[in-house]
């Protein structure tokens, strides 16, 4: 089976979902859209990281530090 991701215009979601149901197409239930504020925050943090790459922390190093700190 093939999968397709569709970007649906504002205000057309219910129309598309009804169309999919009538055509017998399955949809992924429980898919949550990412709020605009969260997208903006992520882009802001990425821009900050590009300006100051020395502030980045390696994930593996961070996990090791936490494991040592908390005896995990």
PDB file of N, CA and C in Angstrom:
ATOM      1  N   UNK A   1       0.837  -1.177   0.000  1.00  0.00           N
ATOM      2  CA  UNK A   1       0.000   0.000   0.000  1.00  0.00           C
ATOM      3  C   UNK A   1       0.881   1.239   0.000  1.00  0.00           C
ATOM      4  N   UNK A   2       0.500   2.238  -0.731  1.00  0.00           N
ATOM      5  CA  UNK A   2       1.241   3.494  -0.791  1.00  0.00           C
ATOM      6  C   UNK A   2       0.623   4.482   0.182  1.00  0.00           C
ATOM      7  N   UNK A   3       1.456   5.418   0.655  1.00  0.00           N
ATOM      8  CA  UNK A   3       0.978   6.458   1.559  1.00  0.00           C
ATOM      9  C   UNK A   3       1.224   7.818   0.932  1.00  0.00           C
ATOM     10  N   UNK A   4       0.322   8.736   1.205  1.00  0.00           N
ATOM     11  CA  UNK A   4       0.414  10.084   0.678  1.00  0.00           C
ATOM     12  C   UNK A   4       0.157  11.064   1.815  1.00  0.00           C
ATOM     13  N   UNK A   5       0.952  12.106   1.886  1.00  0.00           N
ATOM     14  CA  UNK A   5       0.714  13.180   2.831  1.00  0.00           C
ATOM     15  C   UNK A   5       0.070  14.326   2.081  1.00  0.00           C
ATOM     16  N   UNK A   6      -1.014  14.851   2.634  1.00  0.00           N
ATOM     17  CA  UNK A   6      -1.767  15.901   1.962  1.00  0.00           C
ATOM     18  C   UNK A   6      -1.821  17.132   2.860  1.00  0.00           C
ATOM     19  N   UNK A   7      -1.491  18.289   2.317  1.00  0.00           N
ATOM     20  CA  UNK A   7      -1.678  19.558   3.026  1.00  0.00           C
ATOM     21  C   UNK A   7      -3.037  20.099   2.610  1.00  0.00           C
ATOM     22  N   UNK A   8      -3.940  20.207   3.578  1.00  0.00           N
ATOM     23  CA  UNK A   8      -5.309  20.627   3.300  1.00  0.00           C
ATOM     24  C   UNK A   8      -5.475  22.094   3.682  1.00  0.00           C
ATOM     25  N   UNK A   9      -6.029  22.905   2.776  1.00  0.00           N
ATOM     26  CA  UNK A   9      -6.224  24.325   3.071  1.00  0.00           C
ATOM     27  C   UNK A   9      -7.135  24.525   4.285  1.00  0.00           C
ATOM     28  N   UNK A  10      -6.920  25.635   4.988  1.00  0.00           N
ATOM     29  CA  UNK A  10      -7.763  25.974   6.127  1.00  0.00           C
ATOM     30  C   UNK A  10      -9.231  25.959   5.703  1.00  0.00           C
ATOM     31  N   UNK A  11     -10.065  25.435   6.544  1.00  0.00           N
ATOM     32  CA  UNK A  11     -11.494  25.434   6.270  1.00  0.00           C
ATOM     33  C   UNK A  11     -11.965  24.318   5.351  1.00  0.00           C
ATOM     34  N   UNK A  12     -11.061  23.503   4.834  1.00  0.00           N
ATOM     35  CA  UNK A  12     -11.438  22.429   3.912  1.00  0.00           C
ATOM     36  C   UNK A  12     -11.247  21.043   4.522  1.00  0.00           C
ATOM     37  N   UNK A  13     -10.804  20.986   5.774  1.00  0.00           N
ATOM     38  CA  UNK A  13     -10.491  19.704   6.406  1.00  0.00           C
ATOM     39  C   UNK A  13     -11.692  18.766   6.423  1.00  0.00           C
ATOM     40  N   UNK A  14     -12.843  19.247   6.904  1.00  0.00           N
ATOM     41  CA  UNK A  14     -14.022  18.393   7.006  1.00  0.00           C
ATOM     42  C   UNK A  14     -14.455  17.889   5.629  1.00  0.00           C
ATOM     43  N   UNK A  15     -14.382  18.744   4.614  1.00  0.00           N
ATOM     44  CA  UNK A  15     -14.734  18.338   3.258  1.00  0.00           C
ATOM     45  C   UNK A  15     -13.843  17.192   2.787  1.00  0.00           C
ATOM     46  N   UNK A  16     -12.537  17.341   2.974  1.00  0.00           N
ATOM     47  CA  UNK A  16     -11.599  16.298   2.546  1.00  0.00           C
ATOM     48  C   UNK A  16     -11.813  15.001   3.310  1.00  0.00           C
ATOM     49  N   UNK A  17     -12.043  15.107   4.617  1.00  0.00           N
ATOM     50  CA  UNK A  17     -12.235  13.891   5.403  1.00  0.00           C
ATOM     51  C   UNK A  17     -13.503  13.156   4.962  1.00  0.00           C
ATOM     52  N   UNK A  18     -14.558  13.906   4.697  1.00  0.00           N
ATOM     53  CA  UNK A  18     -15.791  13.279   4.210  1.00  0.00           C
ATOM     54  C   UNK A  18     -15.561  12.635   2.843  1.00  0.00           C
ATOM     55  N   UNK A  19     -14.831  13.325   1.976  1.00  0.00           N
ATOM     56  CA  UNK A  19     -14.501  12.766   0.665  1.00  0.00           C
ATOM     57  C   UNK A  19     -13.709  11.471   0.811  1.00  0.00           C
ATOM     58  N   UNK A  20     -12.711  11.475   1.679  1.00  0.00           N
ATOM     59  CA  UNK A  20     -11.906  10.265   1.900  1.00  0.00           C
ATOM     60  C   UNK A  20     -12.779   9.115   2.396  1.00  0.00           C
ATOM     61  N   UNK A  21     -13.667   9.419   3.356  1.00  0.00           N
ATOM     62  CA  UNK A  21     -14.541   8.366   3.889  1.00  0.00           C
ATOM     63  C   UNK A  21     -15.439   7.797   2.793  1.00  0.00           C
ATOM     64  N   UNK A  22     -16.006   8.671   1.986  1.00  0.00           N
ATOM     65  CA  UNK A  22     -16.914   8.212   0.925  1.00  0.00           C
ATOM     66  C   UNK A  22     -16.180   7.407  -0.147  1.00  0.00           C
ATOM     67  N   UNK A  23     -14.929   7.715  -0.361  1.00  0.00           N
ATOM     68  CA  UNK A  23     -14.126   6.960  -1.327  1.00  0.00           C
ATOM     69  C   UNK A  23     -13.554   5.673  -0.735  1.00  0.00           C
ATOM     70  N   UNK A  24     -13.751   5.493   0.580  1.00  0.00           N
ATOM     71  CA  UNK A  24     -13.256   4.290   1.238  1.00  0.00           C
ATOM     72  C   UNK A  24     -11.757   4.326   1.508  1.00  0.00           C
ATOM     73  N   UNK A  25     -11.195   5.526   1.571  1.00  0.00           N
ATOM     74  CA  UNK A  25      -9.765   5.670   1.832  1.00  0.00           C
ATOM     75  C   UNK A  25      -9.521   5.718   3.338  1.00  0.00           C
ATOM     76  N   UNK A  26      -8.432   5.132   3.770  1.00  0.00           N
ATOM     77  CA  UNK A  26      -8.108   5.163   5.193  1.00  0.00           C
ATOM     78  C   UNK A  26      -7.301   6.418   5.502  1.00  0.00           C
ATOM     79  N   UNK A  27      -7.455   6.883   6.723  1.00  0.00           N
ATOM     80  CA  UNK A  27      -6.707   8.051   7.177  1.00  0.00           C
ATOM     81  C   UNK A  27      -6.010   7.699   8.483  1.00  0.00           C
ATOM     82  N   UNK A  28      -4.960   8.430   8.785  1.00  0.00           N
ATOM     83  CA  UNK A  28      -4.235   8.210  10.038  1.00  0.00           C
ATOM     84  C   UNK A  28      -4.929   8.999  11.134  1.00  0.00           C
ATOM     85  N   UNK A  29      -5.582   8.292  12.028  1.00  0.00           N
ATOM     86  CA  UNK A  29      -6.261   8.943  13.140  1.00  0.00           C
ATOM     87  C   UNK A  29      -5.250   9.350  14.192  1.00  0.00           C
ATOM     88  N   UNK A  30      -5.552  10.406  14.901  1.00  0.00           N
ATOM     89  CA  UNK A  30      -4.680  10.834  15.989  1.00  0.00           C
ATOM     90  C   UNK A  30      -3.500  11.674  15.545  1.00  0.00           C
ATOM     91  N   UNK A  31      -3.457  12.060  14.286  1.00  0.00           N
ATOM     92  CA  UNK A  31      -2.365  12.901  13.810  1.00  0.00           C
ATOM     93  C   UNK A  31      -2.609  14.313  14.326  1.00  0.00           C
ATOM     94  N   UNK A  32      -1.625  14.851  15.001  1.00  0.00           N
ATOM     95  CA  UNK A  32      -1.756  16.171  15.588  1.00  0.00           C
ATOM     96  C   UNK A  32      -0.921  17.165  14.806  1.00  0.00           C
ATOM     97  N   UNK A  33      -1.536  18.289  14.481  1.00  0.00           N
ATOM     98  CA  UNK A  33      -0.789  19.335  13.795  1.00  0.00           C
ATOM     99  C   UNK A  33       0.086  20.074  14.796  1.00  0.00           C
ATOM    100  N   UNK A  34       1.210  20.553  14.319  1.00  0.00           N
ATOM    101  CA  UNK A  34       2.113  21.327  15.167  1.00  0.00           C
ATOM    102  C   UNK A  34       1.643  22.772  15.139  1.00  0.00           C
ATOM    103  N   UNK A  35       1.401  23.354  16.318  1.00  0.00           N
ATOM    104  CA  UNK A  35       0.938  24.744  16.357  1.00  0.00           C
ATOM    105  C   UNK A  35       1.985  25.697  15.781  1.00  0.00           C
ATOM    106  N   UNK A  36       1.503  26.797  15.207  1.00  0.00           N
ATOM    107  CA  UNK A  36       2.398  27.780  14.599  1.00  0.00           C
ATOM    108  C   UNK A  36       3.415  28.322  15.599  1.00  0.00           C
ATOM    109  N   UNK A  37       2.989  28.563  16.855  1.00  0.00           N
ATOM    110  CA  UNK A  37       3.918  29.117  17.844  1.00  0.00           C
ATOM    111  C   UNK A  37       5.084  28.168  18.080  1.00  0.00           C
ATOM    112  N   UNK A  38       4.800  26.848  18.025  1.00  0.00           N
ATOM    113  CA  UNK A  38       5.863  25.877  18.256  1.00  0.00           C
ATOM    114  C   UNK A  38       6.813  25.822  17.062  1.00  0.00           C
ATOM    115  N   UNK A  39       6.274  25.936  15.853  1.00  0.00           N
ATOM    116  CA  UNK A  39       7.112  25.974  14.662  1.00  0.00           C
ATOM    117  C   UNK A  39       8.031  27.200  14.709  1.00  0.00           C
ATOM    118  N   UNK A  40       7.443  28.351  15.082  1.00  0.00           N
ATOM    119  CA  UNK A  40       8.216  29.585  15.162  1.00  0.00           C
ATOM    120  C   UNK A  40       9.318  29.487  16.218  1.00  0.00           C
ATOM    121  N   UNK A  41       8.997  28.887  17.366  1.00  0.00           N
ATOM    122  CA  UNK A  41       9.987  28.733  18.428  1.00  0.00           C
ATOM    123  C   UNK A  41      11.138  27.840  17.963  1.00  0.00           C
ATOM    124  N   UNK A  42      10.808  26.771  17.269  1.00  0.00           N
ATOM    125  CA  UNK A  42      11.835  25.863  16.773  1.00  0.00           C
ATOM    126  C   UNK A  42      12.739  26.567  15.768  1.00  0.00           C
ATOM    127  N   UNK A  43      12.143  27.314  14.840  1.00  0.00           N
ATOM    128  CA  UNK A  43      12.942  28.054  13.858  1.00  0.00           C
ATOM    129  C   UNK A  43      13.826  29.096  14.539  1.00  0.00           C
ATOM    130  N   UNK A  44      13.305  29.730  15.575  1.00  0.00           N
ATOM    131  CA  UNK A  44      14.080  30.717  16.330  1.00  0.00           C
ATOM    132  C   UNK A  44      15.275  30.066  17.013  1.00  0.00           C
ATOM    133  N   UNK A  45      15.042  28.900  17.603  1.00  0.00           N
ATOM    134  CA  UNK A  45      16.131  28.193  18.286  1.00  0.00           C
ATOM    135  C   UNK A  45      17.181  27.714  17.289  1.00  0.00           C
ATOM    136  N   UNK A  46      16.750  27.272  16.114  1.00  0.00           N
ATOM    137  CA  UNK A  46      17.711  26.849  15.090  1.00  0.00           C
ATOM    138  C   UNK A  46      18.543  28.032  14.608  1.00  0.00           C
ATOM    139  N   UNK A  47      17.901  29.186  14.448  1.00  0.00           N
ATOM    140  CA  UNK A  47      18.628  30.387  14.026  1.00  0.00           C
ATOM    141  C   UNK A  47      19.649  30.786  15.090  1.00  0.00           C
ATOM    142  N   UNK A  48      19.267  30.695  16.362  1.00  0.00           N
ATOM    143  CA  UNK A  48      20.180  31.014  17.464  1.00  0.00           C
ATOM    144  C   UNK A  48      21.364  30.050  17.469  1.00  0.00           C
ATOM    145  N   UNK A  49      21.102  28.789  17.198  1.00  0.00           N
ATOM    146  CA  UNK A  49      22.168  27.792  17.156  1.00  0.00           C
ATOM    147  C   UNK A  49      23.136  28.082  16.012  1.00  0.00           C
ATOM    148  N   UNK A  50      22.616  28.531  14.879  1.00  0.00           N
ATOM    149  CA  UNK A  50      23.488  28.876  13.755  1.00  0.00           C
ATOM    150  C   UNK A  50      24.383  30.062  14.094  1.00  0.00           C
ATOM    151  N   UNK A  51      23.853  31.000  14.879  1.00  0.00           N
ATOM    152  CA  UNK A  51      24.638  32.172  15.284  1.00  0.00           C
ATOM    153  C   UNK A  51      25.688  31.809  16.327  1.00  0.00           C
ATOM    154  N   UNK A  52      25.357  30.865  17.199  1.00  0.00           N
ATOM    155  CA  UNK A  52      26.240  30.488  18.314  1.00  0.00           C
ATOM    156  C   UNK A  52      26.420  28.972  18.378  1.00  0.00           C
ATOM    157  N   UNK A  53      27.107  28.378  17.404  1.00  0.00           N
ATOM    158  CA  UNK A  53      27.251  26.916  17.400  1.00  0.00           C
ATOM    159  C   UNK A  53      28.032  26.378  18.596  1.00  0.00           C
ATOM    160  N   UNK A  54      28.831  27.237  19.248  1.00  0.00           N
ATOM    161  CA  UNK A  54      29.604  26.787  20.407  1.00  0.00           C
ATOM    162  C   UNK A  54      28.712  26.494  21.607  1.00  0.00           C
ATOM    163  N   UNK A  55      27.459  26.930  21.583  1.00  0.00           N
ATOM    164  CA  UNK A  55      26.529  26.660  22.684  1.00  0.00           C
ATOM    165  C   UNK A  55      25.857  25.294  22.554  1.00  0.00           C
ATOM    166  N   UNK A  56      26.059  24.630  21.429  1.00  0.00           N
ATOM    167  CA  UNK A  56      25.446  23.319  21.209  1.00  0.00           C
ATOM    168  C   UNK A  56      26.073  22.284  22.135  1.00  0.00           C
ATOM    169  N   UNK A  57      25.244  21.332  22.554  1.00  0.00           N
ATOM    170  CA  UNK A  57      25.713  20.247  23.413  1.00  0.00           C
ATOM    171  C   UNK A  57      25.490  18.940  22.666  1.00  0.00           C
ATOM    172  N   UNK A  58      26.520  18.128  22.581  1.00  0.00           N
ATOM    173  CA  UNK A  58      26.425  16.825  21.942  1.00  0.00           C
ATOM    174  C   UNK A  58      25.456  15.952  22.742  1.00  0.00           C
ATOM    175  N   UNK A  59      24.524  15.301  22.064  1.00  0.00           N
ATOM    176  CA  UNK A  59      23.505  14.505  22.738  1.00  0.00           C
ATOM    177  C   UNK A  59      24.099  13.397  23.591  1.00  0.00           C
ATOM    178  N   UNK A  60      25.048  12.654  23.028  1.00  0.00           N
ATOM    179  CA  UNK A  60      25.649  11.549  23.780  1.00  0.00           C
ATOM    180  C   UNK A  60      26.371  12.048  25.026  1.00  0.00           C
ATOM    181  N   UNK A  61      27.044  13.178  24.910  1.00  0.00           N
ATOM    182  CA  UNK A  61      27.728  13.758  26.070  1.00  0.00           C
ATOM    183  C   UNK A  61      26.724  14.173  27.133  1.00  0.00           C
ATOM    184  N   UNK A  62      25.610  14.749  26.700  1.00  0.00           N
ATOM    185  CA  UNK A  62      24.587  15.169  27.640  1.00  0.00           C
ATOM    186  C   UNK A  62      24.004  13.966  28.375  1.00  0.00           C
ATOM    187  N   UNK A  63      23.712  12.901  27.633  1.00  0.00           N
ATOM    188  CA  UNK A  63      23.166  11.695  28.267  1.00  0.00           C
ATOM    189  C   UNK A  63      24.173  11.125  29.264  1.00  0.00           C
ATOM    190  N   UNK A  64      25.441  11.056  28.889  1.00  0.00           N
ATOM    191  CA  UNK A  64      26.470  10.552  29.806  1.00  0.00           C
ATOM    192  C   UNK A  64      26.554  11.410  31.059  1.00  0.00           C
ATOM    193  N   UNK A  65      26.508  12.725  30.912  1.00  0.00           N
ATOM    194  CA  UNK A  65      26.551  13.623  32.073  1.00  0.00           C
ATOM    195  C   UNK A  65      25.362  13.381  32.989  1.00  0.00           C
ATOM    196  N   UNK A  66      24.163  13.223  32.409  1.00  0.00           N
ATOM    197  CA  UNK A  66      22.972  12.969  33.228  1.00  0.00           C
ATOM    198  C   UNK A  66      23.054  11.620  33.941  1.00  0.00           C
ATOM    199  N   UNK A  67      23.554  10.610  33.237  1.00  0.00           N
ATOM    200  CA  UNK A  67      23.693   9.299  33.851  1.00  0.00           C
ATOM    201  C   UNK A  67      24.648   9.341  35.020  1.00  0.00           C
ATOM    202  N   UNK A  68      25.747  10.054  34.861  1.00  0.00           N
ATOM    203  CA  UNK A  68      26.720  10.172  35.959  1.00  0.00           C
ATOM    204  C   UNK A  68      26.137  10.971  37.121  1.00  0.00           C
ATOM    205  N   UNK A  69      25.458  12.063  36.802  1.00  0.00           N
ATOM    206  CA  UNK A  69      24.907  12.929  37.837  1.00  0.00           C
ATOM    207  C   UNK A  69      23.857  12.208  38.671  1.00  0.00           C
ATOM    208  N   UNK A  70      23.012  11.424  38.031  1.00  0.00           N
ATOM    209  CA  UNK A  70      21.905  10.790  38.717  1.00  0.00           C
ATOM    210  C   UNK A  70      22.115   9.287  38.955  1.00  0.00           C
ATOM    211  N   UNK A  71      23.310   8.801  38.663  1.00  0.00           N
ATOM    212  CA  UNK A  71      23.631   7.392  38.924  1.00  0.00           C
ATOM    213  C   UNK A  71      22.781   6.418  38.140  1.00  0.00           C
ATOM    214  N   UNK A  72      22.514   6.742  36.915  1.00  0.00           N
ATOM    215  CA  UNK A  72      21.674   5.854  36.092  1.00  0.00           C
ATOM    216  C   UNK A  72      22.499   4.828  35.351  1.00  0.00           C
TER     217      UNK A  72
END
